C-alpha atoms as a PDB file:
ATOM      1  CA  MET A   1      34.866  56.494 162.042  1.00  0.00           C
ATOM      2  CA  HIS A   2      38.234  57.482 161.089  1.00  0.00           C
ATOM      3  CA  LYS A   3      38.748  60.289 158.511  1.00  0.00           C
ATOM      4  CA  ARG A   4      40.401  57.846 156.180  1.00  0.00           C
ATOM      5  CA  LYS A   5      37.374  55.608 156.189  1.00  0.00           C
ATOM      6  CA  ILE A   6      34.928  58.432 155.552  1.00  0.00           C
ATOM      7  CA  ILE A   7      37.112  59.624 152.590  1.00  0.00           C
ATOM      8  CA  SER A   8      37.295  56.108 151.230  1.00  0.00           C
ATOM      9  CA  LEU A   9      33.486  55.658 151.595  1.00  0.00           C
ATOM     10  CA  ALA A  10      32.973  58.882 149.979  1.00  0.00           C
ATOM     11  CA  CYS A  11      35.337  58.079 146.949  1.00  0.00           C
ATOM     12  CA  ALA A  12      33.452  54.856 146.414  1.00  0.00           C
ATOM     13  CA  LEU A  13      29.960  56.596 146.465  1.00  0.00           C
ATOM     14  CA  VAL A  14      31.114  59.161 144.006  1.00  0.00           C
ATOM     15  CA  LEU A  15      32.510  56.330 141.699  1.00  0.00           C
ATOM     16  CA  TYR A  16      29.142  54.492 142.079  1.00  0.00           C
ATOM     17  CA  VAL A  17      27.073  57.739 141.218  1.00  0.00           C
ATOM     18  CA  LEU A  18      29.262  58.350 138.174  1.00  0.00           C
ATOM     19  CA  PHE A  19      29.616  55.019 136.503  1.00  0.00           C
ATOM     20  CA  ILE A  20      27.089  52.585 138.088  1.00  0.00           C
ATOM     21  CA  ALA A  21      23.853  54.596 138.522  1.00  0.00           C
ATOM     22  CA  PRO A  22      22.755  55.881 135.228  1.00  0.00           C
ATOM     23  CA  VAL A  23      22.210  59.437 136.514  1.00  0.00           C
ATOM     24  CA  PHE A  24      24.718  61.145 134.252  1.00  0.00           C
ATOM     25  CA  PHE A  25      25.964  58.784 131.390  1.00  0.00           C
ATOM     26  CA  HIS A  26      25.263  55.213 130.399  1.00  0.00           C
ATOM     27  CA  TRP A  27      28.523  53.536 130.291  1.00  0.00           C
ATOM     28  CA  SER A  28      29.320  50.079 128.751  1.00  0.00           C
ATOM     29  CA  ASN A  29      29.171  46.978 130.916  1.00  0.00           C
ATOM     30  CA  GLU A  30      32.969  46.631 130.862  1.00  0.00           C
ATOM     31  CA  ILE A  31      33.624  49.982 132.223  1.00  0.00           C
ATOM     32  CA  ARG A  32      30.892  49.558 134.766  1.00  0.00           C
ATOM     33  CA  ALA A  33      32.494  46.278 135.937  1.00  0.00           C
ATOM     34  CA  CYS A  34      35.918  48.078 136.159  1.00  0.00           C
ATOM     35  CA  ALA A  35      34.245  50.723 138.250  1.00  0.00           C
ATOM     36  CA  LEU A  36      32.689  48.147 140.524  1.00  0.00           C
ATOM     37  CA  LEU A  37      36.049  46.363 140.978  1.00  0.00           C
ATOM     38  CA  LEU A  38      37.701  49.672 141.749  1.00  0.00           C
ATOM     39  CA  ILE A  39      34.884  50.409 144.270  1.00  0.00           C
ATOM     40  CA  MET A  40      35.612  47.046 146.010  1.00  0.00           C
ATOM     41  CA  GLN A  41      39.403  47.769 145.982  1.00  0.00           C
ATOM     42  CA  ILE A  42      38.926  51.150 147.662  1.00  0.00           C
ATOM     43  CA  LEU A  43      36.528  49.757 150.296  1.00  0.00           C
ATOM     44  CA  TRP A  44      39.028  46.848 151.054  1.00  0.00           C
ATOM     45  CA  LEU A  45      42.245  48.593 150.993  1.00  0.00           C
ATOM     46  CA  GLY A  46      40.692  51.697 153.024  1.00  0.00           C
ATOM     47  CA  ARG A  47      39.626  48.965 155.363  1.00  0.00           C
ATOM     48  CA  VAL A  48      36.069  50.548 155.422  1.00  0.00           C
ATOM     49  CA  PHE A  49      34.797  46.909 155.274  1.00  0.00           C
ATOM     50  CA  PRO A  50      36.720  43.663 155.356  1.00  0.00           C
ATOM     51  CA  LEU A  51      37.369  41.640 152.169  1.00  0.00           C
ATOM     52  CA  ALA A  52      34.370  39.361 152.747  1.00  0.00           C
ATOM     53  CA  TYR A  53      31.851  42.293 152.961  1.00  0.00           C
ATOM     54  CA  SER A  54      33.267  44.008 150.001  1.00  0.00           C
ATOM     55  CA  SER A  55      33.130  41.011 147.995  1.00  0.00           C
ATOM     56  CA  VAL A  56      29.524  40.413 148.961  1.00  0.00           C
ATOM     57  CA  LEU A  57      28.627  44.040 148.223  1.00  0.00           C
ATOM     58  CA  LEU A  58      30.276  43.685 144.843  1.00  0.00           C
ATOM     59  CA  MET A  59      28.211  40.683 143.982  1.00  0.00           C
ATOM     60  CA  ILE A  60      24.792  42.315 145.126  1.00  0.00           C
ATOM     61  CA  MET A  61      25.760  45.516 143.265  1.00  0.00           C
ATOM     62  CA  MET A  62      26.538  43.390 140.071  1.00  0.00           C
ATOM     63  CA  SER A  63      23.371  41.347 140.460  1.00  0.00           C
ATOM     64  CA  PHE A  64      21.219  44.433 140.609  1.00  0.00           C
ATOM     65  CA  HIS A  65      22.766  46.332 137.850  1.00  0.00           C
ATOM     66  CA  PHE A  66      23.850  43.790 135.303  1.00  0.00           C
ATOM     67  CA  MET A  67      21.215  41.034 135.580  1.00  0.00           C
ATOM     68  CA  SER A  68      18.102  43.274 135.654  1.00  0.00           C
END
């Protein structure tokens, strides 16, 4: 993996842990949704995954965290 992809993936994971996983704080659903969109854009613009895979990952994360 290129260094840029690793940094993009690390940023996405940090955002996931801070905003989505209820480890530190419990954020409102609007902030969590914005964080998920930001994660998807980081993964897509950083070309970690193509847009189709990023969209599927976004839908899976949203279904796990908002519908359960």
